[in-house]
PDB file of N, CA and C in Angstrom:
ATOM      1  N   UNK A   1     101.349 106.581 122.665  1.00  0.00           N
ATOM      2  CA  UNK A   1     100.768 106.065 121.448  1.00  0.00           C
ATOM      3  C   UNK A   1     101.025 104.557 121.403  1.00  0.00           C
ATOM      4  N   UNK A   2      99.994 103.767 121.143  1.00  0.00           N
ATOM      5  CA  UNK A   2     100.213 102.334 120.989  1.00  0.00           C
ATOM      6  C   UNK A   2     101.217 102.077 119.871  1.00  0.00           C
ATOM      7  N   UNK A   3     102.002 101.039 120.043  1.00  0.00           N
ATOM      8  CA  UNK A   3     103.076 100.746 119.100  1.00  0.00           C
ATOM      9  C   UNK A   3     102.625  99.692 118.094  1.00  0.00           C
ATOM     10  N   UNK A   4     102.851  99.972 116.835  1.00  0.00           N
ATOM     11  CA  UNK A   4     102.664  99.001 115.763  1.00  0.00           C
ATOM     12  C   UNK A   4     104.036  98.447 115.406  1.00  0.00           C
ATOM     13  N   UNK A   5     104.106  97.214 114.928  1.00  0.00           N
ATOM     14  CA  UNK A   5     105.406  96.691 114.488  1.00  0.00           C
ATOM     15  C   UNK A   5     106.025  97.591 113.422  1.00  0.00           C
ATOM     16  N   UNK A   6     107.344  97.683 113.444  1.00  0.00           N
ATOM     17  CA  UNK A   6     108.059  98.527 112.481  1.00  0.00           C
ATOM     18  C   UNK A   6     107.787  98.066 111.056  1.00  0.00           C
ATOM     19  N   UNK A   7     107.721  99.039 110.158  1.00  0.00           N
ATOM     20  CA  UNK A   7     107.540  98.756 108.742  1.00  0.00           C
ATOM     21  C   UNK A   7     108.589  99.519 107.954  1.00  0.00           C
ATOM     22  N   UNK A   8     108.845  99.049 106.732  1.00  0.00           N
ATOM     23  CA  UNK A   8     109.836  99.700 105.883  1.00  0.00           C
ATOM     24  C   UNK A   8     109.282 100.017 104.503  1.00  0.00           C
ATOM     25  N   UNK A   9     108.048  99.634 104.249  1.00  0.00           N
ATOM     26  CA  UNK A   9     107.443  99.872 102.949  1.00  0.00           C
ATOM     27  C   UNK A   9     106.952 101.303 102.802  1.00  0.00           C
ATOM     28  N   UNK A  10     106.481 101.600 101.605  1.00  0.00           N
ATOM     29  CA  UNK A  10     106.026 102.959 101.298  1.00  0.00           C
ATOM     30  C   UNK A  10     104.811 102.897 100.382  1.00  0.00           C
ATOM     31  N   UNK A  11     103.863 103.772 100.666  1.00  0.00           N
ATOM     32  CA  UNK A  11     102.698 103.970  99.801  1.00  0.00           C
ATOM     33  C   UNK A  11     102.722 105.421  99.352  1.00  0.00           C
ATOM     34  N   UNK A  12     102.526 105.653  98.082  1.00  0.00           N
ATOM     35  CA  UNK A  12     102.507 107.020  97.572  1.00  0.00           C
ATOM     36  C   UNK A  12     101.434 107.812  98.324  1.00  0.00           C
ATOM     37  N   UNK A  13     101.763 108.996  98.828  1.00  0.00           N
ATOM     38  CA  UNK A  13     100.797 109.790  99.593  1.00  0.00           C
ATOM     39  C   UNK A  13      99.483 110.050  98.851  1.00  0.00           C
ATOM     40  N   UNK A  14      99.553 110.358  97.576  1.00  0.00           N
ATOM     41  CA  UNK A  14      98.328 110.643  96.818  1.00  0.00           C
ATOM     42  C   UNK A  14      97.432 109.401  96.770  1.00  0.00           C
ATOM     43  N   UNK A  15      98.018 108.235  96.572  1.00  0.00           N
ATOM     44  CA  UNK A  15      97.244 106.988  96.535  1.00  0.00           C
ATOM     45  C   UNK A  15      96.611 106.723  97.901  1.00  0.00           C
ATOM     46  N   UNK A  16      97.372 106.959  98.969  1.00  0.00           N
ATOM     47  CA  UNK A  16      96.837 106.765 100.322  1.00  0.00           C
ATOM     48  C   UNK A  16      95.669 107.721 100.573  1.00  0.00           C
ATOM     49  N   UNK A  17      95.812 108.968 100.165  1.00  0.00           N
ATOM     50  CA  UNK A  17      94.737 109.949 100.345  1.00  0.00           C
ATOM     51  C   UNK A  17      93.479 109.545  99.596  1.00  0.00           C
ATOM     52  N   UNK A  18      93.635 109.013  98.405  1.00  0.00           N
ATOM     53  CA  UNK A  18      92.474 108.580  97.625  1.00  0.00           C
ATOM     54  C   UNK A  18      91.737 107.440  98.324  1.00  0.00           C
ATOM     55  N   UNK A  19      92.480 106.499  98.868  1.00  0.00           N
ATOM     56  CA  UNK A  19      91.852 105.384  99.585  1.00  0.00           C
ATOM     57  C   UNK A  19      91.162 105.899 100.844  1.00  0.00           C
ATOM     58  N   UNK A  20      91.841 106.743 101.605  1.00  0.00           N
ATOM     59  CA  UNK A  20      91.251 107.290 102.836  1.00  0.00           C
ATOM     60  C   UNK A  20      89.985 108.091 102.550  1.00  0.00           C
ATOM     61  N   UNK A  21      89.944 108.776 101.427  1.00  0.00           N
ATOM     62  CA  UNK A  21      88.779 109.595 101.074  1.00  0.00           C
ATOM     63  C   UNK A  21      87.524 108.742 100.922  1.00  0.00           C
ATOM     64  N   UNK A  22      87.688 107.456 100.605  1.00  0.00           N
ATOM     65  CA  UNK A  22      86.516 106.595 100.441  1.00  0.00           C
ATOM     66  C   UNK A  22      85.804 106.345 101.762  1.00  0.00           C
ATOM     67  N   UNK A  23      86.452 106.635 102.876  1.00  0.00           N
ATOM     68  CA  UNK A  23      85.840 106.434 104.193  1.00  0.00           C
ATOM     69  C   UNK A  23      85.620 107.740 104.954  1.00  0.00           C
ATOM     70  N   UNK A  24      85.776 108.856 104.268  1.00  0.00           N
ATOM     71  CA  UNK A  24      85.631 110.157 104.930  1.00  0.00           C
ATOM     72  C   UNK A  24      84.244 110.334 105.545  1.00  0.00           C
ATOM     73  N   UNK A  25      83.223 109.879 104.875  1.00  0.00           N
ATOM     74  CA  UNK A  25      81.860 110.019 105.393  1.00  0.00           C
ATOM     75  C   UNK A  25      81.692 109.227 106.682  1.00  0.00           C
ATOM     76  N   UNK A  26      82.205 108.001 106.713  1.00  0.00           N
ATOM     77  CA  UNK A  26      82.104 107.192 107.928  1.00  0.00           C
ATOM     78  C   UNK A  26      82.888 107.805 109.087  1.00  0.00           C
ATOM     79  N   UNK A  27      84.074 108.329 108.797  1.00  0.00           N
ATOM     80  CA  UNK A  27      84.886 108.964 109.837  1.00  0.00           C
ATOM     81  C   UNK A  27      84.147 110.175 110.395  1.00  0.00           C
ATOM     82  N   UNK A  28      83.590 110.968 109.524  1.00  0.00           N
ATOM     83  CA  UNK A  28      82.824 112.143 109.962  1.00  0.00           C
ATOM     84  C   UNK A  28      81.625 111.712 110.811  1.00  0.00           C
ATOM     85  N   UNK A  29      80.966 110.653 110.418  1.00  0.00           N
ATOM     86  CA  UNK A  29      79.812 110.139 111.161  1.00  0.00           C
ATOM     87  C   UNK A  29      80.225 109.731 112.580  1.00  0.00           C
ATOM     88  N   UNK A  30      81.389 109.151 112.726  1.00  0.00           N
ATOM     89  CA  UNK A  30      81.890 108.770 114.053  1.00  0.00           C
ATOM     90  C   UNK A  30      81.977 109.997 114.963  1.00  0.00           C
ATOM     91  N   UNK A  31      82.528 111.066 114.432  1.00  0.00           N
ATOM     92  CA  UNK A  31      82.634 112.299 115.218  1.00  0.00           C
ATOM     93  C   UNK A  31      81.256 112.878 115.502  1.00  0.00           C
ATOM     94  N   UNK A  32      80.390 112.892 114.515  1.00  0.00           N
ATOM     95  CA  UNK A  32      79.045 113.458 114.706  1.00  0.00           C
ATOM     96  C   UNK A  32      78.254 112.684 115.756  1.00  0.00           C
ATOM     97  N   UNK A  33      78.424 111.368 115.810  1.00  0.00           N
ATOM     98  CA  UNK A  33      77.745 110.574 116.835  1.00  0.00           C
ATOM     99  C   UNK A  33      78.253 110.942 118.228  1.00  0.00           C
ATOM    100  N   UNK A  34      79.552 111.135 118.363  1.00  0.00           N
ATOM    101  CA  UNK A  34      80.127 111.552 119.644  1.00  0.00           C
ATOM    102  C   UNK A  34      79.694 112.978 119.987  1.00  0.00           C
ATOM    103  N   UNK A  35      79.614 113.819 118.984  1.00  0.00           N
ATOM    104  CA  UNK A  35      79.204 115.207 119.179  1.00  0.00           C
ATOM    105  C   UNK A  35      77.754 115.297 119.656  1.00  0.00           C
ATOM    106  N   UNK A  36      76.918 114.349 119.241  1.00  0.00           N
ATOM    107  CA  UNK A  36      75.525 114.328 119.678  1.00  0.00           C
ATOM    108  C   UNK A  36      75.440 114.091 121.190  1.00  0.00           C
ATOM    109  N   UNK A  37      76.434 113.418 121.759  1.00  0.00           N
ATOM    110  CA  UNK A  37      76.467 113.172 123.204  1.00  0.00           C
ATOM    111  C   UNK A  37      77.116 114.321 123.968  1.00  0.00           C
ATOM    112  N   UNK A  38      77.993 115.070 123.293  1.00  0.00           N
ATOM    113  CA  UNK A  38      78.693 116.193 123.923  1.00  0.00           C
ATOM    114  C   UNK A  38      78.915 117.260 122.854  1.00  0.00           C
ATOM    115  N   UNK A  39      78.092 118.296 122.882  1.00  0.00           N
ATOM    116  CA  UNK A  39      78.104 119.332 121.838  1.00  0.00           C
ATOM    117  C   UNK A  39      79.388 120.161 121.827  1.00  0.00           C
ATOM    118  N   UNK A  40      80.216 120.057 122.852  1.00  0.00           N
ATOM    119  CA  UNK A  40      81.457 120.832 122.901  1.00  0.00           C
ATOM    120  C   UNK A  40      82.686 120.002 122.530  1.00  0.00           C
ATOM    121  N   UNK A  41      82.467 118.758 122.148  1.00  0.00           N
ATOM    122  CA  UNK A  41      83.562 117.833 121.876  1.00  0.00           C
ATOM    123  C   UNK A  41      84.407 118.306 120.694  1.00  0.00           C
ATOM    124  N   UNK A  42      85.697 118.426 120.928  1.00  0.00           N
ATOM    125  CA  UNK A  42      86.633 118.780 119.864  1.00  0.00           C
ATOM    126  C   UNK A  42      88.021 118.324 120.261  1.00  0.00           C
ATOM    127  N   UNK A  43      88.909 118.292 119.313  1.00  0.00           N
ATOM    128  CA  UNK A  43      90.277 117.889 119.596  1.00  0.00           C
ATOM    129  C   UNK A  43      90.928 117.218 118.412  1.00  0.00           C
ATOM    130  N   UNK A  44      92.014 116.509 118.708  1.00  0.00           N
ATOM    131  CA  UNK A  44      92.811 115.878 117.663  1.00  0.00           C
ATOM    132  C   UNK A  44      92.994 114.395 117.957  1.00  0.00           C
ATOM    133  N   UNK A  45      92.962 113.608 116.902  1.00  0.00           N
ATOM    134  CA  UNK A  45      93.234 112.177 116.974  1.00  0.00           C
ATOM    135  C   UNK A  45      94.174 111.810 115.840  1.00  0.00           C
ATOM    136  N   UNK A  46      94.998 110.822 116.080  1.00  0.00           N
ATOM    137  CA  UNK A  46      95.839 110.270 115.040  1.00  0.00           C
ATOM    138  C   UNK A  46      95.585 108.777 114.994  1.00  0.00           C
ATOM    139  N   UNK A  47      95.297 108.279 113.810  1.00  0.00           N
ATOM    140  CA  UNK A  47      95.116 106.848 113.604  1.00  0.00           C
ATOM    141  C   UNK A  47      96.280 106.368 112.742  1.00  0.00           C
ATOM    142  N   UNK A  48      96.972 105.345 113.236  1.00  0.00           N
ATOM    143  CA  UNK A  48      98.067 104.732 112.465  1.00  0.00           C
ATOM    144  C   UNK A  48      97.579 103.384 111.972  1.00  0.00           C
ATOM    145  N   UNK A  49      97.815 103.108 110.712  1.00  0.00           N
ATOM    146  CA  UNK A  49      97.370 101.880 110.081  1.00  0.00           C
ATOM    147  C   UNK A  49      98.578 101.088 109.598  1.00  0.00           C
ATOM    148  N   UNK A  50      98.627  99.831 109.955  1.00  0.00           N
ATOM    149  CA  UNK A  50      99.671  98.957 109.395  1.00  0.00           C
ATOM    150  C   UNK A  50      99.081  98.326 108.137  1.00  0.00           C
ATOM    151  N   UNK A  51      99.716  98.589 107.016  1.00  0.00           N
ATOM    152  CA  UNK A  51      99.271  98.080 105.719  1.00  0.00           C
ATOM    153  C   UNK A  51     100.226  96.968 105.302  1.00  0.00           C
ATOM    154  N   UNK A  52      99.662  95.786 105.112  1.00  0.00           N
ATOM    155  CA  UNK A  52     100.455  94.612 104.752  1.00  0.00           C
ATOM    156  C   UNK A  52     100.864  94.671 103.274  1.00  0.00           C
ATOM    157  N   UNK A  53     101.798  93.816 102.862  1.00  0.00           N
ATOM    158  CA  UNK A  53     102.260  93.839 101.473  1.00  0.00           C
ATOM    159  C   UNK A  53     101.155  93.650 100.438  1.00  0.00           C
ATOM    160  N   UNK A  54     100.037  93.032 100.825  1.00  0.00           N
ATOM    161  CA  UNK A  54      98.923  92.872  99.879  1.00  0.00           C
ATOM    162  C   UNK A  54      97.976  94.074  99.885  1.00  0.00           C
ATOM    163  N   UNK A  55      98.271  95.093 100.699  1.00  0.00           N
ATOM    164  CA  UNK A  55      97.473  96.316 100.732  1.00  0.00           C
ATOM    165  C   UNK A  55      96.395  96.362 101.804  1.00  0.00           C
ATOM    166  N   UNK A  56      96.146  95.248 102.475  1.00  0.00           N
ATOM    167  CA  UNK A  56      95.083  95.258 103.485  1.00  0.00           C
ATOM    168  C   UNK A  56      95.604  95.812 104.811  1.00  0.00           C
ATOM    169  N   UNK A  57      94.705  96.421 105.565  1.00  0.00           N
ATOM    170  CA  UNK A  57      95.041  96.959 106.885  1.00  0.00           C
ATOM    171  C   UNK A  57      94.939  95.817 107.895  1.00  0.00           C
ATOM    172  N   UNK A  58      96.032  95.551 108.612  1.00  0.00           N
ATOM    173  CA  UNK A  58      96.039  94.450 109.567  1.00  0.00           C
ATOM    174  C   UNK A  58      95.934  94.924 111.007  1.00  0.00           C
ATOM    175  N   UNK A  59      96.377  96.143 111.290  1.00  0.00           N
ATOM    176  CA  UNK A  59      96.357  96.665 112.653  1.00  0.00           C
ATOM    177  C   UNK A  59      96.145  98.167 112.624  1.00  0.00           C
ATOM    178  N   UNK A  60      95.593  98.680 113.721  1.00  0.00           N
ATOM    179  CA  UNK A  60      95.445 100.118 113.878  1.00  0.00           C
ATOM    180  C   UNK A  60      95.923 100.504 115.275  1.00  0.00           C
ATOM    181  N   UNK A  61      96.307 101.749 115.421  1.00  0.00           N
ATOM    182  CA  UNK A  61      96.681 102.303 116.723  1.00  0.00           C
ATOM    183  C   UNK A  61      96.143 103.722 116.777  1.00  0.00           C
ATOM    184  N   UNK A  62      95.648 104.106 117.934  1.00  0.00           N
ATOM    185  CA  UNK A  62      94.982 105.392 118.113  1.00  0.00           C
ATOM    186  C   UNK A  62      95.699 106.197 119.181  1.00  0.00           C
ATOM    187  N   UNK A  63      95.857 107.486 118.930  1.00  0.00           N
ATOM    188  CA  UNK A  63      96.399 108.385 119.949  1.00  0.00           C
ATOM    189  C   UNK A  63      95.714 109.737 119.816  1.00  0.00           C
ATOM    190  N   UNK A  64      95.772 110.520 120.880  1.00  0.00           N
ATOM    191  CA  UNK A  64      95.183 111.854 120.837  1.00  0.00           C
ATOM    192  C   UNK A  64      94.368 112.152 122.070  1.00  0.00           C
ATOM    193  N   UNK A  65      93.452 113.092 121.927  1.00  0.00           N
ATOM    194  CA  UNK A  65      92.650 113.576 123.050  1.00  0.00           C
ATOM    195  C   UNK A  65      91.751 112.468 123.601  1.00  0.00           C
ATOM    196  N   UNK A  66      91.859 112.241 124.912  1.00  0.00           N
ATOM    197  CA  UNK A  66      91.075 111.187 125.567  1.00  0.00           C
ATOM    198  C   UNK A  66      89.574 111.356 125.361  1.00  0.00           C
ATOM    199  N   UNK A  67      89.094 112.590 125.305  1.00  0.00           N
ATOM    200  CA  UNK A  67      87.656 112.836 125.147  1.00  0.00           C
ATOM    201  C   UNK A  67      87.131 112.281 123.828  1.00  0.00           C
ATOM    202  N   UNK A  68      88.013 112.102 122.857  1.00  0.00           N
ATOM    203  CA  UNK A  68      87.615 111.616 121.541  1.00  0.00           C
ATOM    204  C   UNK A  68      87.840 110.117 121.351  1.00  0.00           C
ATOM    205  N   UNK A  69      88.173 109.408 122.421  1.00  0.00           N
ATOM    206  CA  UNK A  69      88.486 107.971 122.305  1.00  0.00           C
ATOM    207  C   UNK A  69      87.331 107.166 121.703  1.00  0.00           C
ATOM    208  N   UNK A  70      86.104 107.456 122.114  1.00  0.00           N
ATOM    209  CA  UNK A  70      84.962 106.724 121.562  1.00  0.00           C
ATOM    210  C   UNK A  70      84.844 106.928 120.061  1.00  0.00           C
ATOM    211  N   UNK A  71      84.968 108.167 119.636  1.00  0.00           N
ATOM    212  CA  UNK A  71      84.944 108.460 118.201  1.00  0.00           C
ATOM    213  C   UNK A  71      86.124 107.795 117.514  1.00  0.00           C
ATOM    214  N   UNK A  72      87.259 107.777 118.175  1.00  0.00           N
ATOM    215  CA  UNK A  72      88.453 107.168 117.592  1.00  0.00           C
ATOM    216  C   UNK A  72      88.303 105.675 117.377  1.00  0.00           C
ATOM    217  N   UNK A  73      87.696 104.985 118.323  1.00  0.00           N
ATOM    218  CA  UNK A  73      87.483 103.546 118.150  1.00  0.00           C
ATOM    219  C   UNK A  73      86.553 103.280 116.969  1.00  0.00           C
ATOM    220  N   UNK A  74      85.537 104.116 116.832  1.00  0.00           N
ATOM    221  CA  UNK A  74      84.622 104.024 115.681  1.00  0.00           C
ATOM    222  C   UNK A  74      85.405 104.258 114.380  1.00  0.00           C
ATOM    223  N   UNK A  75      86.288 105.234 114.383  1.00  0.00           N
ATOM    224  CA  UNK A  75      87.089 105.538 113.198  1.00  0.00           C
ATOM    225  C   UNK A  75      88.012 104.375 112.847  1.00  0.00           C
ATOM    226  N   UNK A  76      88.627 103.777 113.862  1.00  0.00           N
ATOM    227  CA  UNK A  76      89.485 102.622 113.609  1.00  0.00           C
ATOM    228  C   UNK A  76      88.698 101.518 112.900  1.00  0.00           C
ATOM    229  N   UNK A  77      87.489 101.264 113.369  1.00  0.00           N
ATOM    230  CA  UNK A  77      86.643 100.248 112.738  1.00  0.00           C
ATOM    231  C   UNK A  77      86.386 100.591 111.273  1.00  0.00           C
ATOM    232  N   UNK A  78      86.084 101.845 111.001  1.00  0.00           N
ATOM    233  CA  UNK A  78      85.796 102.271 109.631  1.00  0.00           C
ATOM    234  C   UNK A  78      87.022 102.121 108.732  1.00  0.00           C
ATOM    235  N   UNK A  79      88.197 102.369 109.270  1.00  0.00           N
ATOM    236  CA  UNK A  79      89.419 102.351 108.467  1.00  0.00           C
ATOM    237  C   UNK A  79      90.032 100.956 108.326  1.00  0.00           C
ATOM    238  N   UNK A  80      89.692 100.049 109.222  1.00  0.00           N
ATOM    239  CA  UNK A  80      90.272  98.697 109.173  1.00  0.00           C
ATOM    240  C   UNK A  80      89.948  97.958 107.881  1.00  0.00           C
ATOM    241  N   UNK A  81      88.817  98.250 107.292  1.00  0.00           N
ATOM    242  CA  UNK A  81      88.426  97.537 106.084  1.00  0.00           C
ATOM    243  C   UNK A  81      89.026  98.075 104.801  1.00  0.00           C
ATOM    244  N   UNK A  82      89.845  99.093 104.885  1.00  0.00           N
ATOM    245  CA  UNK A  82      90.435  99.676 103.683  1.00  0.00           C
ATOM    246  C   UNK A  82      91.449  98.730 103.038  1.00  0.00           C
ATOM    247  N   UNK A  83      91.578  98.865 101.739  1.00  0.00           N
ATOM    248  CA  UNK A  83      92.624  98.154 101.001  1.00  0.00           C
ATOM    249  C   UNK A  83      93.383  99.200 100.193  1.00  0.00           C
ATOM    250  N   UNK A  84      94.652  99.316 100.476  1.00  0.00           N
ATOM    251  CA  UNK A  84      95.526 100.278  99.806  1.00  0.00           C
ATOM    252  C   UNK A  84      96.242  99.585  98.651  1.00  0.00           C
ATOM    253  N   UNK A  85      96.841 100.369  97.752  1.00  0.00           N
ATOM    254  CA  UNK A  85      97.719  99.756  96.757  1.00  0.00           C
ATOM    255  C   UNK A  85      98.855  99.035  97.504  1.00  0.00           C
ATOM    256  N   UNK A  86      99.365  97.968  96.936  1.00  0.00           N
ATOM    257  CA  UNK A  86     100.456  97.233  97.580  1.00  0.00           C
ATOM    258  C   UNK A  86     101.632  98.179  97.837  1.00  0.00           C
ATOM    259  N   UNK A  87     102.104  98.235  99.081  1.00  0.00           N
ATOM    260  CA  UNK A  87     103.243  99.101  99.384  1.00  0.00           C
ATOM    261  C   UNK A  87     104.513  98.615  98.686  1.00  0.00           C
ATOM    262  N   UNK A  88     105.375  99.542  98.340  1.00  0.00           N
ATOM    263  CA  UNK A  88     106.685  99.221  97.791  1.00  0.00           C
ATOM    264  C   UNK A  88     107.620  98.908  98.952  1.00  0.00           C
ATOM    265  N   UNK A  89     108.288  97.778  98.919  1.00  0.00           N
ATOM    266  CA  UNK A  89     109.280  97.471  99.947  1.00  0.00           C
ATOM    267  C   UNK A  89     108.747  96.766 101.174  1.00  0.00           C
ATOM    268  N   UNK A  90     107.551  96.218 101.125  1.00  0.00           N
ATOM    269  CA  UNK A  90     107.015  95.490 102.272  1.00  0.00           C
ATOM    270  C   UNK A  90     105.905  96.252 102.977  1.00  0.00           C
ATOM    271  N   UNK A  91     105.552  95.794 104.149  1.00  0.00           N
ATOM    272  CA  UNK A  91     104.477  96.432 104.927  1.00  0.00           C
ATOM    273  C   UNK A  91     104.806  97.904 105.172  1.00  0.00           C
ATOM    274  N   UNK A  92     103.754  98.714 105.274  1.00  0.00           N
ATOM    275  CA  UNK A  92     103.927 100.160 105.462  1.00  0.00           C
ATOM    276  C   UNK A  92     103.016 100.643 106.580  1.00  0.00           C
ATOM    277  N   UNK A  93     103.351 101.787 107.136  1.00  0.00           N
ATOM    278  CA  UNK A  93     102.503 102.438 108.128  1.00  0.00           C
ATOM    279  C   UNK A  93     101.952 103.718 107.515  1.00  0.00           C
ATOM    280  N   UNK A  94     100.631 103.874 107.598  1.00  0.00           N
ATOM    281  CA  UNK A  94      99.974 105.102 107.154  1.00  0.00           C
ATOM    282  C   UNK A  94      99.497 105.820 108.409  1.00  0.00           C
ATOM    283  N   UNK A  95      99.912 107.053 108.583  1.00  0.00           N
ATOM    284  CA  UNK A  95      99.537 107.856 109.743  1.00  0.00           C
ATOM    285  C   UNK A  95      98.548 108.918 109.288  1.00  0.00           C
ATOM    286  N   UNK A  96      97.378 108.947 109.952  1.00  0.00           N
ATOM    287  CA  UNK A  96      96.294 109.836 109.532  1.00  0.00           C
ATOM    288  C   UNK A  96      95.903 110.739 110.692  1.00  0.00           C
ATOM    289  N   UNK A  97      96.255 112.029 110.633  1.00  0.00           N
ATOM    290  CA  UNK A  97      95.846 112.961 111.683  1.00  0.00           C
ATOM    291  C   UNK A  97      94.466 113.545 111.380  1.00  0.00           C
ATOM    292  N   UNK A  98      93.648 113.680 112.414  1.00  0.00           N
ATOM    293  CA  UNK A  98      92.325 114.295 112.279  1.00  0.00           C
ATOM    294  C   UNK A  98      92.203 115.396 113.323  1.00  0.00           C
ATOM    295  N   UNK A  99      91.626 116.523 112.914  1.00  0.00           N
ATOM    296  CA  UNK A  99      91.325 117.620 113.824  1.00  0.00           C
ATOM    297  C   UNK A  99      89.830 117.857 113.760  1.00  0.00           C
ATOM    298  N   UNK A 100      89.184 117.803 114.906  1.00  0.00           N
ATOM    299  CA  UNK A 100      87.739 117.991 114.977  1.00  0.00           C
ATOM    300  C   UNK A 100      87.425 119.239 115.786  1.00  0.00           C
ATOM    301  N   UNK A 101      86.573 120.062 115.237  1.00  0.00           N
ATOM    302  CA  UNK A 101      86.119 121.290 115.898  1.00  0.00           C
ATOM    303  C   UNK A 101      84.603 121.322 115.842  1.00  0.00           C
ATOM    304  N   UNK A 102      83.968 121.491 116.985  1.00  0.00           N
ATOM    305  CA  UNK A 102      82.512 121.569 117.033  1.00  0.00           C
ATOM    306  C   UNK A 102      82.037 122.719 116.151  1.00  0.00           C
ATOM    307  N   UNK A 103      80.996 122.491 115.382  1.00  0.00           N
ATOM    308  CA  UNK A 103      80.451 123.530 114.527  1.00  0.00           C
ATOM    309  C   UNK A 103      81.097 123.628 113.163  1.00  0.00           C
ATOM    310  N   UNK A 104      82.057 122.792 112.874  1.00  0.00           N
ATOM    311  CA  UNK A 104      82.721 122.822 111.555  1.00  0.00           C
ATOM    312  C   UNK A 104      82.341 121.630 110.740  1.00  0.00           C
TER     313      UNK A 104
END
């Protein structure tokens, strides 16, 4: 997994989920575009986001199934523009696991 600089801040999980939900359609579209090229494509990806003290995403890191790398890069792009509530205690890391199954 690519390494992001260490963080010590915290974002309330419910607040993070609400922000992430605003990009759910774009994330799904990334997978659907990859699925159009390979109808059997499925697997797991994890996107880690470094959230700065002002709430903006400054860096992303992707890990998971190699077959989903193209979809993952698309997802990183979609998530980079998010703005979270300011983390308590400094920069924070938000880890977002995704599971994709063809036909779901």
